[in-house]
Protein backbone atom coordinates (compact mmCIF):
# COMPACT_ATOMS: atom_id res chain seq x y z
CA PRO A 1 55.88 39.17 19.99
CA CYS A 2 56.00 41.57 17.09
CA GLN A 3 59.54 42.06 15.80
CA LEU A 4 60.17 45.18 13.69
CA LEU A 5 63.18 45.77 11.48
CA PRO A 6 65.72 48.06 13.25
CA LEU A 7 65.75 51.68 12.14
CA PRO A 8 69.12 53.08 10.96
CA ARG A 9 71.00 55.61 13.05
CA MET A 10 70.34 59.23 12.07
CA SER A 11 71.78 62.53 13.00
CA SER A 12 69.84 65.37 14.50
CA GLY A 13 67.49 67.10 12.11
CA GLU A 14 67.58 64.16 9.68
CA SER A 15 64.24 62.64 8.85
CA PRO A 16 63.88 58.94 9.57
CA ARG A 17 64.22 56.65 6.61
CA LEU A 18 62.98 53.11 6.41
CA PRO A 19 65.17 50.55 4.69
CA VAL A 20 64.35 50.20 1.03
CA PRO A 21 63.57 46.65 0.01
CA ARG A 22 65.88 45.22 -2.58
CA LEU A 23 65.07 42.96 -5.45
CA GLY A 24 65.73 39.36 -4.67
CA SER A 25 66.19 39.98 -0.96
CA GLN A 26 66.20 36.80 1.07
CA ARG A 27 63.44 35.83 3.49
CA THR A 28 64.50 36.35 7.08
CA ALA A 29 63.19 34.86 10.29
CA SER A 30 61.36 38.09 11.09
CA SER A 31 59.94 38.92 7.66
CA SER A 32 57.96 37.52 4.75
CA ARG A 33 57.56 38.54 1.12
CA LEU A 34 54.68 40.12 -0.74
CA SER A 35 54.53 40.34 -4.51
CA LEU A 36 53.96 43.86 -5.77
CA SER A 37 53.76 44.84 -9.38
CA GLY A 38 56.48 47.41 -10.04
CA GLY A 39 57.08 49.67 -12.96
CA LEU A 40 57.56 48.25 -16.45
CA GLY A 41 55.81 45.07 -15.42
CA GLN A 42 58.50 44.03 -12.97
CA VAL A 43 57.50 42.19 -9.79
CA ASN A 44 59.18 43.35 -6.61
CA GLU A 45 59.24 41.19 -3.48
CA VAL A 46 58.62 43.35 -0.42
CA GLU A 47 59.56 42.14 3.01
CA VAL A 48 56.61 42.32 5.41
CA PRO A 49 57.11 42.55 9.16
CA THR A 50 56.20 39.52 11.22
CA CYS A 51 53.50 41.55 12.99
CA ALA A 52 51.30 41.20 9.87
CA ARG A 53 51.56 37.44 10.00
CA THR A 54 50.86 37.51 13.73
CA LYS A 55 47.76 39.65 13.24
CA GLN A 56 46.56 37.33 10.53
CA ALA A 57 47.06 34.29 12.75
CA ARG A 58 45.24 36.03 15.61
CA ARG A 59 42.44 37.01 13.27
CA GLN A 60 42.08 33.40 12.14
CA SER A 61 42.11 32.21 15.75
CA TRP A 62 39.44 34.73 16.69
CA THR A 63 37.38 33.69 13.68
CA ARG A 64 37.54 30.06 14.74
CA THR A 65 36.64 31.01 18.30
CA PHE A 66 33.67 33.12 17.24
CA SER A 67 32.61 30.39 14.80
CA SER A 68 32.59 27.77 17.56
CA LEU A 69 30.73 30.14 19.86
CA SER A 70 28.23 30.88 17.09
CA LEU A 71 27.85 27.14 16.44
CA GLY A 72 27.16 26.49 20.11
CA CYS A 73 24.62 29.31 20.20
CA ARG A 74 22.88 27.90 17.14
CA GLN A 75 22.70 24.46 18.75
CA ARG A 76 21.23 25.86 21.97
CA HIS A 77 18.80 27.95 19.92
CA ALA A 78 17.72 24.85 17.95
CA VAL A 79 17.15 22.86 21.17
CA LYS A 80 15.07 25.70 22.59
CA GLU A 81 12.94 26.10 19.47
CA MET A 82 12.38 22.41 18.78
CA SER A 83 11.60 21.38 22.36
CA THR A 84 8.92 24.02 22.99
CA PHE A 85 6.49 22.93 20.21
CA LYS A 86 6.03 26.44 18.84
CA LEU A 87 5.43 27.38 15.23
CA ARG A 88 8.34 29.45 13.97
CA ALA A 89 6.28 31.33 11.37
CA PRO A 90 2.63 31.50 10.30
CA GLY A 91 1.62 29.18 7.50
CA LEU A 92 4.25 26.52 8.24
CA LEU A 93 1.77 23.89 9.46
CA ARG A 94 1.05 22.08 6.21
CA ALA A 95 -0.12 18.65 5.09
CA THR A 96 -0.99 16.84 1.91
CA GLU A 97 -3.42 14.15 0.85
CA ALA A 98 -2.25 10.55 1.05
CA ALA A 99 -2.91 10.22 -2.67
CA VAL A 100 -0.16 12.72 -3.51
CA PRO A 101 2.87 10.68 -2.33
CA LEU A 102 1.33 7.49 -3.77
CA ALA A 103 0.57 8.97 -7.20
CA TRP A 104 2.56 7.72 -10.18
CA ALA A 105 3.47 4.51 -8.36
CA GLY A 106 4.81 6.42 -5.35
CA SER A 107 7.31 8.62 -7.19
CA LEU A 108 7.62 11.01 -4.21
CA MET A 109 8.55 8.14 -1.89
CA ARG A 110 11.67 7.43 -3.93
CA PRO A 111 15.04 9.20 -3.57
CA PRO A 112 15.68 11.93 -6.18
CA ILE A 113 17.22 10.74 -9.42
CA VAL A 114 20.56 12.43 -10.16
CA SER A 115 21.36 12.91 -13.82
CA CYS A 116 24.81 12.93 -15.42
CA GLY A 117 25.12 16.62 -14.75
CA GLY A 118 24.10 16.32 -11.11
CA ALA A 119 20.80 17.02 -9.41
CA GLY A 120 20.81 20.61 -10.67
CA ALA A 121 17.72 22.54 -11.48
CA SER A 122 15.61 19.47 -12.26
CA SER A 123 15.62 18.33 -8.62
CA ASP A 124 14.78 21.90 -7.50
CA VAL A 125 11.83 21.97 -9.87
CA GLN A 126 10.62 18.59 -8.59
CA ALA A 127 10.96 19.79 -4.99
CA ALA A 128 9.04 22.98 -5.77
CA VAL A 129 6.26 21.03 -7.47
CA ALA A 130 6.03 18.63 -4.52
CA PHE A 131 5.83 21.51 -2.03
CA SER A 132 3.08 23.16 -4.07
CA LYS A 133 0.91 20.07 -3.50
CA SER A 134 0.80 20.71 0.26
CA PHE A 135 -1.65 23.09 1.93
CA GLU A 136 -2.15 24.79 5.28
CA VAL A 137 -4.11 22.83 7.90
CA GLU A 138 -5.02 23.04 11.56
CA GLU A 139 -4.81 19.29 12.22
CA ILE A 140 -3.10 16.34 10.49
CA ASP A 141 -4.64 12.86 10.35
CA TRP A 142 -1.43 10.83 10.00
CA PHE A 143 2.25 11.59 10.54
CA TRP A 144 4.44 9.27 8.44
CA SER A 145 7.65 8.45 10.29
CA HIS A 146 10.01 6.49 8.09
CA SER A 147 13.62 6.11 7.04
CA TRP A 148 14.66 7.29 3.60
CA ARG A 149 17.20 4.47 3.54
CA ALA A 150 14.46 1.83 3.46
CA PRO A 151 13.66 0.19 0.09
CA PRO A 152 11.14 2.53 -1.59
CA TRP A 153 9.13 -0.22 -3.28
CA ARG A 154 8.40 -1.87 0.05
CA LYS A 155 7.12 1.36 1.55
CA ILE A 156 5.02 2.07 -1.53
CA MET A 157 3.40 -1.37 -1.55
CA PHE A 158 2.69 -1.19 2.18
CA LEU A 159 1.17 2.30 2.03
CA MET A 160 -0.99 1.27 -0.93
CA MET A 161 -2.33 -1.65 1.10
CA VAL A 162 -2.98 0.62 4.09
CA TYR A 163 -4.70 3.53 2.32
CA ASN A 164 -6.03 1.92 -0.87
CA GLY A 165 -6.54 -1.68 0.23
CA ARG A 166 -10.11 -1.39 1.53
CA PRO A 167 -11.42 0.70 -1.41
CA ALA A 168 -9.72 -1.79 -3.74
CA ALA A 169 -11.44 -4.68 -1.92
CA VAL A 170 -14.84 -2.98 -2.31
CA PHE A 171 -14.33 -2.25 -6.01
CA GLY A 172 -12.89 -5.71 -6.67
CA THR A 173 -15.75 -7.50 -4.91
CA GLY A 174 -18.31 -5.30 -6.67
CA ALA A 175 -16.78 -6.14 -10.05
CA ALA A 176 -16.70 -9.85 -9.12
CA VAL A 177 -20.40 -9.78 -8.15
CA LEU A 178 -21.19 -8.03 -11.44
CA GLY A 179 -19.30 -10.74 -13.35
CA PHE A 180 -21.16 -13.38 -11.36
CA ALA A 181 -24.54 -11.81 -12.22
CA LEU A 182 -23.73 -11.48 -15.93
CA SER A 183 -22.42 -15.03 -16.09
CA ALA A 184 -25.40 -16.48 -14.20
CA SER A 185 -27.85 -14.65 -16.47
CA GLU A 186 -26.06 -16.12 -19.53
CA ILE A 187 -25.03 -12.71 -20.82
CA LEU A 188 -21.38 -13.76 -20.59
CA PRO A 189 -20.41 -17.17 -22.03
CA THR A 190 -19.30 -20.12 -19.93
CA MET A 191 -16.97 -23.05 -20.59
CA THR A 192 -17.67 -26.75 -20.30
CA ASP A 193 -15.51 -29.81 -19.68
CA ALA A 194 -15.88 -33.53 -20.25
CA ARG A 195 -17.25 -34.35 -16.82
CA GLN A 196 -20.93 -35.19 -16.53
CA LEU A 197 -23.14 -34.13 -13.63
CA GLN A 198 -26.47 -35.59 -12.52
CA LEU A 199 -28.87 -32.72 -11.98
CA MET A 200 -32.42 -33.77 -11.01
CA ASP A 201 -33.65 -35.99 -13.85
CA LYS A 202 -31.08 -35.10 -16.48
CA VAL A 203 -27.38 -35.47 -17.14
CA THR A 204 -25.40 -32.40 -18.17
CA HIS A 205 -21.81 -31.38 -18.67
CA HIS A 206 -19.94 -29.40 -16.02
CA ARG A 207 -19.93 -25.70 -16.85
CA TYR A 208 -17.70 -23.09 -15.30
CA ALA A 209 -16.55 -19.49 -15.77
CA VAL A 210 -13.75 -17.16 -14.68
CA TRP A 211 -15.48 -13.82 -15.11
CA SER A 212 -15.80 -13.03 -11.40
CA LEU A 213 -12.15 -13.77 -10.65
CA VAL A 214 -10.80 -11.90 -13.67
CA SER A 215 -12.99 -8.81 -13.20
CA GLY A 216 -12.34 -8.77 -9.45
CA VAL A 217 -8.56 -8.90 -9.86
CA LEU A 218 -8.51 -6.20 -12.54
CA ALA A 219 -10.75 -3.86 -10.52
CA PHE A 220 -8.73 -4.50 -7.35
CA ALA A 221 -5.43 -3.71 -9.09
CA ALA A 222 -6.82 -0.55 -10.70
CA ALA A 223 -8.25 0.77 -7.42
CA LEU A 224 -5.08 -0.14 -5.51
CA VAL A 225 -2.97 2.00 -7.84
CA PHE A 226 -5.29 4.84 -8.81
CA TRP A 227 -7.52 5.34 -5.76
CA ARG A 228 -7.10 8.82 -4.25
CA SER A 229 -7.25 8.81 -0.47
CA HIS A 230 -8.15 12.24 0.92
CA ARG A 231 -6.81 11.66 4.42
CA THR A 232 -4.27 14.31 5.34
CA VAL A 233 -0.74 13.11 6.00
CA PHE A 234 2.63 14.69 6.75
CA LEU A 235 5.60 13.81 4.56
CA ASP A 236 8.65 15.99 5.11
CA LYS A 237 9.60 15.96 1.44
CA VAL A 238 6.25 17.54 0.51
CA CYS A 239 5.22 19.59 3.56
CA ILE A 240 8.56 21.34 4.23
CA SER A 241 10.12 23.51 1.53
CA GLN A 242 13.27 21.96 0.10
CA THR A 243 14.27 24.94 -2.06
CA ASP A 244 13.96 27.92 0.32
CA GLU A 245 16.64 27.48 2.99
CA ARG A 246 14.93 29.90 5.36
CA LEU A 247 11.59 28.10 5.20
CA LYS A 248 13.35 24.77 5.40
CA ARG A 249 15.17 25.73 8.61
CA ARG A 250 12.00 27.11 10.17
CA GLY A 251 10.06 24.02 9.13
CA ILE A 252 12.62 21.71 10.73
CA GLU A 253 12.61 23.80 13.91
CA SER A 254 8.78 23.54 13.94
CA ILE A 255 8.72 19.75 13.50
CA GLY A 256 7.36 19.38 17.03
CA VAL A 257 4.23 21.31 16.00
CA PHE A 258 3.64 18.90 13.12
CA LEU A 259 3.87 15.99 15.54
CA GLN A 260 1.68 17.64 18.16
CA SER A 261 -0.99 18.44 15.55
CA SER A 262 -1.12 14.86 14.24
CA SER A 263 -3.90 12.55 15.44
CA ASN A 264 -2.00 9.34 14.57
CA MET A 265 1.57 8.34 13.89
CA LEU A 266 2.34 5.58 11.39
CA VAL A 267 5.80 4.17 12.05
CA LEU A 268 7.06 2.47 8.88
CA TRP A 269 9.47 0.20 10.68
CA ASP A 270 12.34 -1.40 8.82
CA PRO A 271 15.85 -2.53 9.85
CA THR A 272 17.22 1.00 9.30
CA TYR A 273 14.55 2.87 11.31
CA ALA A 274 16.05 2.52 14.79
CA ARG A 275 19.47 3.48 13.41
CA ARG A 276 18.32 6.87 12.09
CA LEU A 277 18.58 9.66 14.65
CA TRP A 278 15.79 11.81 13.18
CA CYS A 279 13.39 8.83 13.25
CA VAL A 280 14.18 8.43 16.95
CA PHE A 281 13.53 12.13 17.49
CA GLU A 282 10.13 11.99 15.73
CA LEU A 283 9.04 9.08 17.90
CA ALA A 284 10.19 10.77 21.10
CA ALA A 285 8.58 14.10 20.20
CA TYR A 286 5.23 12.55 19.26
CA VAL A 287 5.02 10.48 22.44
CA HIS A 288 5.95 13.46 24.63
CA ALA A 289 3.51 15.84 22.90
CA HIS A 290 0.54 13.49 23.31
CA MET A 291 1.64 12.34 26.74
CA MET A 292 1.15 15.92 27.94
CA GLU A 293 -2.48 15.75 26.74
CA HIS A 294 -3.31 12.36 28.28
CA GLY A 295 -1.25 12.69 31.46
CA THR A 296 0.82 9.92 32.99
CA ASP A 297 -1.94 7.30 32.56
CA PHE A 298 -1.57 6.60 28.86
CA SER A 299 -0.55 3.85 26.48
CA PRO A 300 0.94 4.04 23.00
CA GLU A 301 -2.33 2.72 21.56
CA ASN A 302 -4.34 5.54 23.17
CA ILE A 303 -2.14 8.23 21.66
CA GLY A 304 -2.31 6.74 18.17
CA VAL A 305 1.11 5.13 17.66
CA HIS A 306 0.87 2.43 14.97
CA CYS A 307 4.05 0.43 14.36
CA ARG A 308 4.00 -1.60 11.17
CA PRO A 309 6.87 -3.40 9.42
CA ILE A 310 6.91 -2.39 5.76
CA ILE A 311 7.55 -6.02 4.79
CA LEU A 312 3.79 -6.50 5.33
CA GLY A 313 3.12 -4.91 1.94
CA PRO A 314 5.18 -7.30 -0.24
CA THR A 315 4.08 -10.30 1.85
CA SER A 316 0.37 -9.47 1.44
CA MET A 317 0.78 -8.92 -2.29
CA ALA A 318 2.65 -12.22 -2.67
CA MET A 319 -0.21 -14.06 -0.97
CA PHE A 320 -2.79 -12.26 -3.12
CA ILE A 321 -0.97 -13.10 -6.37
CA ALA A 322 -0.45 -16.72 -5.29
CA GLY A 323 -4.15 -17.12 -4.52
CA ASP A 324 -5.14 -15.48 -7.79
CA ILE A 325 -2.90 -17.69 -9.93
CA GLY A 326 -3.76 -20.82 -7.98
CA TYR A 327 -7.52 -20.43 -8.22
CA MET A 328 -7.32 -19.33 -11.83
CA VAL A 329 -5.66 -22.65 -12.64
CA PHE A 330 -8.23 -24.34 -10.43
CA LEU A 331 -11.09 -22.91 -12.51
CA LEU A 332 -9.53 -23.45 -15.91
CA THR A 333 -8.52 -27.07 -15.31
CA GLN A 334 -10.99 -29.73 -16.39
CA ASN A 335 -10.18 -32.34 -13.73
CA HIS A 336 -10.33 -30.21 -10.63
CA GLU A 337 -9.73 -33.00 -8.12
CA THR A 338 -6.41 -33.89 -9.73
CA TRP A 339 -5.05 -30.36 -9.61
CA VAL A 340 -6.18 -29.41 -6.11
CA PRO A 341 -3.06 -30.74 -4.29
CA VAL A 342 -0.77 -29.19 -6.91
CA ILE A 343 -2.49 -25.83 -6.67
CA PHE A 344 -2.34 -25.68 -2.90
CA PHE A 345 1.23 -26.94 -2.94
CA PHE A 346 2.08 -23.97 -5.16
CA ILE A 347 0.30 -21.61 -2.77
CA GLY A 348 2.14 -23.20 0.15
CA VAL A 349 5.52 -22.69 -1.56
CA VAL A 350 4.84 -18.99 -2.13
CA ILE A 351 3.54 -18.56 1.43
CA CYS A 352 6.58 -20.20 3.02
CA VAL A 353 9.08 -18.32 0.85
CA ALA A 354 7.37 -14.99 1.57
CA PHE A 355 7.03 -15.67 5.27
CA ARG A 356 10.62 -16.78 5.74
CA GLU A 357 11.78 -13.32 4.64
CA PHE A 358 8.97 -11.79 6.68
CA HIS A 359 10.04 -13.50 9.91
CA ARG A 360 13.71 -12.74 9.29
CA THR A 361 12.77 -9.06 9.14
CA LEU A 362 10.59 -9.36 12.25
CA ALA A 363 13.48 -10.94 14.14
CA VAL A 364 15.67 -7.95 13.29
CA LEU A 365 12.93 -5.53 14.33
CA ARG A 366 12.39 -7.30 17.66
CA SER A 367 16.13 -7.15 18.27
CA ASP A 368 16.11 -3.43 17.47
CA PHE A 369 13.32 -2.87 19.97
CA MET A 370 14.96 -4.87 22.75
CA SER A 371 18.37 -3.21 22.31
CA PHE A 372 17.15 0.28 21.44
CA GLN A 373 19.73 2.97 22.25
CA VAL A 374 19.72 6.61 21.17
CA ALA A 375 23.52 6.60 21.04
CA ALA A 376 23.47 3.79 18.45
CA ALA A 377 21.55 5.89 15.91
CA ASP A 378 23.40 7.51 13.00
CA CYS A 379 23.10 11.10 11.86
CA PHE A 380 24.20 12.86 8.68
CA CYS A 381 26.37 15.53 10.27
CA CYS A 382 28.47 13.16 12.40
CA SER A 383 29.07 10.85 9.45
CA HIS A 384 30.49 13.83 7.47
CA ASP A 385 32.55 15.43 10.28
CA HIS A 386 29.99 18.26 10.60
CA VAL A 387 30.85 19.66 7.16
CA ASP A 388 28.31 19.93 4.37
CA PRO A 389 29.81 17.89 1.51
CA ALA A 390 27.99 20.04 -1.06
CA THR A 391 28.87 23.54 0.19
CA GLY A 392 31.76 22.95 2.61
CA LYS A 393 30.01 24.89 5.37
CA GLU A 394 30.22 23.80 8.98
CA LEU A 395 27.09 22.03 10.28
CA ILE A 396 25.63 22.05 13.75
CA CYS A 397 25.56 18.65 15.45
CA ASP A 398 22.12 17.10 15.08
CA ARG A 399 22.96 14.54 17.75
CA LYS A 400 23.54 17.23 20.38
CA VAL A 401 20.34 19.00 19.37
CA ILE A 402 18.17 15.87 19.40
CA GLU A 403 19.65 14.46 22.58
CA GLY A 404 19.16 17.88 24.18
CA CYS A 405 15.47 17.85 23.19
CA ILE A 406 14.93 14.30 24.52
CA GLU A 407 16.64 15.20 27.79
CA GLU A 408 14.45 18.31 27.99
CA TRP A 409 11.31 16.12 27.69
CA TRP A 410 12.36 12.97 29.56
CA ASP A 411 15.01 14.45 31.92
CA GLU A 412 17.39 11.73 30.70
CA LEU A 413 17.79 9.40 27.73
CA GLU A 414 17.27 6.20 29.75
CA PRO A 415 13.53 6.66 30.50
CA PHE A 416 12.77 7.13 26.81
CA GLU A 417 14.87 4.11 25.84
CA GLU A 418 13.08 2.03 28.47
CA PHE A 419 9.71 3.21 27.12
CA VAL A 420 10.61 2.02 23.60
CA GLN A 421 12.04 -1.29 24.83
CA THR A 422 9.03 -2.21 26.96
CA ARG A 423 5.75 -0.41 26.34
CA LEU A 424 6.15 0.40 22.66
CA PHE A 425 7.50 -3.09 21.96
CA GLY A 426 4.42 -4.59 23.63
CA VAL A 427 2.14 -2.53 21.40
CA PHE A 428 4.14 -3.62 18.35
CA GLU A 429 3.68 -7.29 19.25
CA SER A 430 -0.05 -6.94 19.98
CA GLN A 431 -0.75 -5.08 16.73
CA LEU A 432 0.92 -7.80 14.66
CA GLY A 433 -1.00 -10.63 16.35
CA LEU A 434 0.00 -14.24 16.97
CA MET A 435 0.82 -14.98 13.32
CA GLY A 436 2.91 -11.85 12.87
CA ILE A 437 0.43 -10.40 10.38
CA PRO A 438 -2.89 -8.69 11.23
CA TYR A 439 -6.04 -10.60 10.31
CA HIS A 440 -7.46 -7.94 7.97
CA TYR A 441 -4.33 -8.26 5.80
CA LEU A 442 -5.14 -11.97 5.42
CA VAL A 443 -8.72 -11.09 4.47
CA LEU A 444 -7.47 -8.75 1.73
CA ALA A 445 -4.94 -11.29 0.47
CA GLY A 446 -7.59 -14.05 0.36
CA LEU A 447 -10.15 -12.17 -1.75
CA PRO A 448 -9.39 -14.26 -4.90
CA ILE A 449 -10.82 -17.26 -3.03
CA LEU A 450 -14.20 -15.56 -2.62
CA TRP A 451 -14.24 -14.43 -6.24
CA ALA A 452 -13.33 -17.93 -7.46
CA TYR A 453 -16.26 -19.44 -5.54
CA LEU A 454 -18.58 -16.94 -7.20
CA ASP A 455 -17.47 -18.44 -10.51
CA LEU A 456 -18.08 -21.93 -9.12
CA ALA A 457 -21.59 -20.95 -8.08
CA SER A 458 -22.68 -19.28 -11.33
CA PRO A 459 -23.32 -22.56 -13.27
CA HIS A 460 -25.62 -23.76 -10.49
CA VAL A 461 -27.61 -20.55 -10.74
CA ARG A 462 -28.09 -21.23 -14.46
CA GLU A 463 -29.41 -24.70 -13.70
CA GLY A 464 -31.78 -23.38 -11.04
CA GLN A 465 -30.01 -25.14 -8.15
CA VAL A 466 -30.63 -22.60 -5.40
CA LYS A 467 -29.61 -24.82 -2.49
CA THR A 468 -26.42 -25.88 -4.23
CA THR A 469 -25.63 -22.26 -5.03
CA ILE A 470 -26.06 -21.24 -1.39
CA ALA A 471 -23.91 -24.19 -0.25
CA VAL A 472 -21.11 -23.23 -2.64
CA LEU A 473 -21.19 -19.60 -1.49
CA ILE A 474 -21.14 -20.59 2.20
CA ARG A 475 -18.20 -22.89 1.52
CA GLY A 476 -16.43 -20.03 -0.26
CA LEU A 477 -16.94 -17.72 2.71
CA ALA A 478 -15.61 -20.42 5.06
CA HIS A 479 -12.53 -20.97 2.92
CA TRP A 480 -11.94 -17.23 2.64
CA LEU A 481 -12.40 -16.27 6.30
CA PHE A 482 -11.27 -19.45 8.10
CA VAL A 483 -9.49 -22.08 6.01
CA TYR A 484 -7.12 -19.74 4.21
CA PRO A 485 -6.00 -17.91 7.41
CA THR A 486 -5.44 -21.35 8.97
CA VAL A 487 -3.19 -22.40 6.08
CA ILE A 488 -1.38 -19.08 6.41
CA ALA A 489 -0.89 -19.66 10.14
CA ILE A 490 0.61 -23.09 9.52
CA GLY A 491 2.87 -21.79 6.77
CA SER A 492 3.90 -18.88 8.97
CA SER A 493 4.78 -21.24 11.82
CA LEU A 494 6.85 -23.44 9.50
CA ALA A 495 8.64 -20.42 8.09
CA ARG A 496 9.32 -19.03 11.58
CA SER A 497 10.85 -22.31 12.72
CA ARG A 498 13.17 -22.40 9.70
CA LYS A 499 13.95 -18.70 9.29
CA SER A 500 17.51 -18.85 10.61
CA ARG A 501 18.58 -22.15 9.09
CA ARG A 502 18.93 -23.39 5.56
CA MET A 503 16.49 -26.16 4.78
CA ARG A 504 17.64 -29.21 2.89
CA SER A 505 15.78 -29.66 -0.36
CA TRP A 506 13.80 -32.74 0.72
CA ARG A 507 12.87 -31.16 4.04
CA ALA A 508 11.68 -28.04 2.30
CA VAL A 509 9.56 -30.08 -0.12
CA ALA A 510 8.07 -32.12 2.74
CA LEU A 511 7.19 -29.07 4.83
CA LEU A 512 5.72 -27.19 1.88
CA ALA A 513 3.74 -30.24 0.77
CA ALA A 514 2.32 -30.58 4.29
CA CYS A 515 1.32 -26.92 4.26
CA GLY A 516 -0.33 -27.25 0.84
CA GLY A 517 -2.08 -30.48 1.83
CA VAL A 518 -3.64 -28.90 4.88
């Protein structure tokens, strides 16, 4: 209750007078002090009635109440907007070419670099430049769903293999064939060794070249890095404004439209993906949006869900580099038969080391699928007590918004979790194949074998040995398409069996030697 200071007694006809505050008056239980600047620069402490403090406390209480009510309204508004798949404003549906995020060695796929003075204007300029590289579309080819906590270099290598791998294979093979033709026509020089070969009625020295392998590798690397894929993709960092808060909010609220307008969804799965709440939301929204188009009789493959572990990129590149180095040594060594076991032992070592890490990651991903729970995912707002660490403003709870959207689509969280644990996990296993790596990745990684056999065949073309040339080329195709994948399968099986245990040194050498020998 408000307690006022008692008024003094007054006689009739006397005007009421309030008590005059004195300098240095003590604080009482029913009053507080305000500092007022008096005459001559003196500061007078004025006692303020308790009612002022009470009004201030009530005002603060009402502010907190209205703030919580406003926060709840904003959350319900966000659930309504995001679950209805409606565009919040014209011109928000944007995409970019796949070449844009992969340009400059995938600079846009990396987290922003913060300088000594903070992110500042430089990060805003980078965000504005990235947004300017997107454009309005009516349909998106691929929606990239990924976690920003994943290692950027793994995502970059994987996306380069996905979007630039086939053009790089075409350019590399074309350059290798050109090197083969120039070497066979004696335009490019060849090398000889001490071995002698019996060809028809004459004895000649063994001649060999490396032009096909060298030109193929250089052209493959150049196309892998600099090829510009024109397929349209969605990347939130590019297609949603990061500098205009109004456009950013509307873009986030329209994320369902981006997902609904995408023909395919590429899930860049890594150990952090299932633990990120927004990644879970993207997966749920895409499946629900395309499930409405195909009805109840649908499968994740029919609606274009492609789950790929990003460890595929580094593993494929490791196999490619191992084959390149191994066959380069194979061509440059004079006594080929002596070096063959050593070369393939080296390839086997690289394969087993790469695949041990590969299968460790796959084991984590399988565990994430089997134990998938929406409640186990992390979100930014909950980890910061719903307060923006940069501005100090109160944040709405993303978890309540996302769980509200999933419940709006699936009635409950359990049906969606069961879908991920069973049907989506089955698609994930089938897309990886028996060896854990799709066959076309093995074909790309084994291209140095084909190019090396072109170099082996070029001396026979010079000598006019057509049948021998054809035999060498057929053997090269067999090694490239059958023998090499078989060696990879054996190495993958050995690595899978030893992924969770440390191998003793002699056991590791024995297993790797067996792999290389085969």
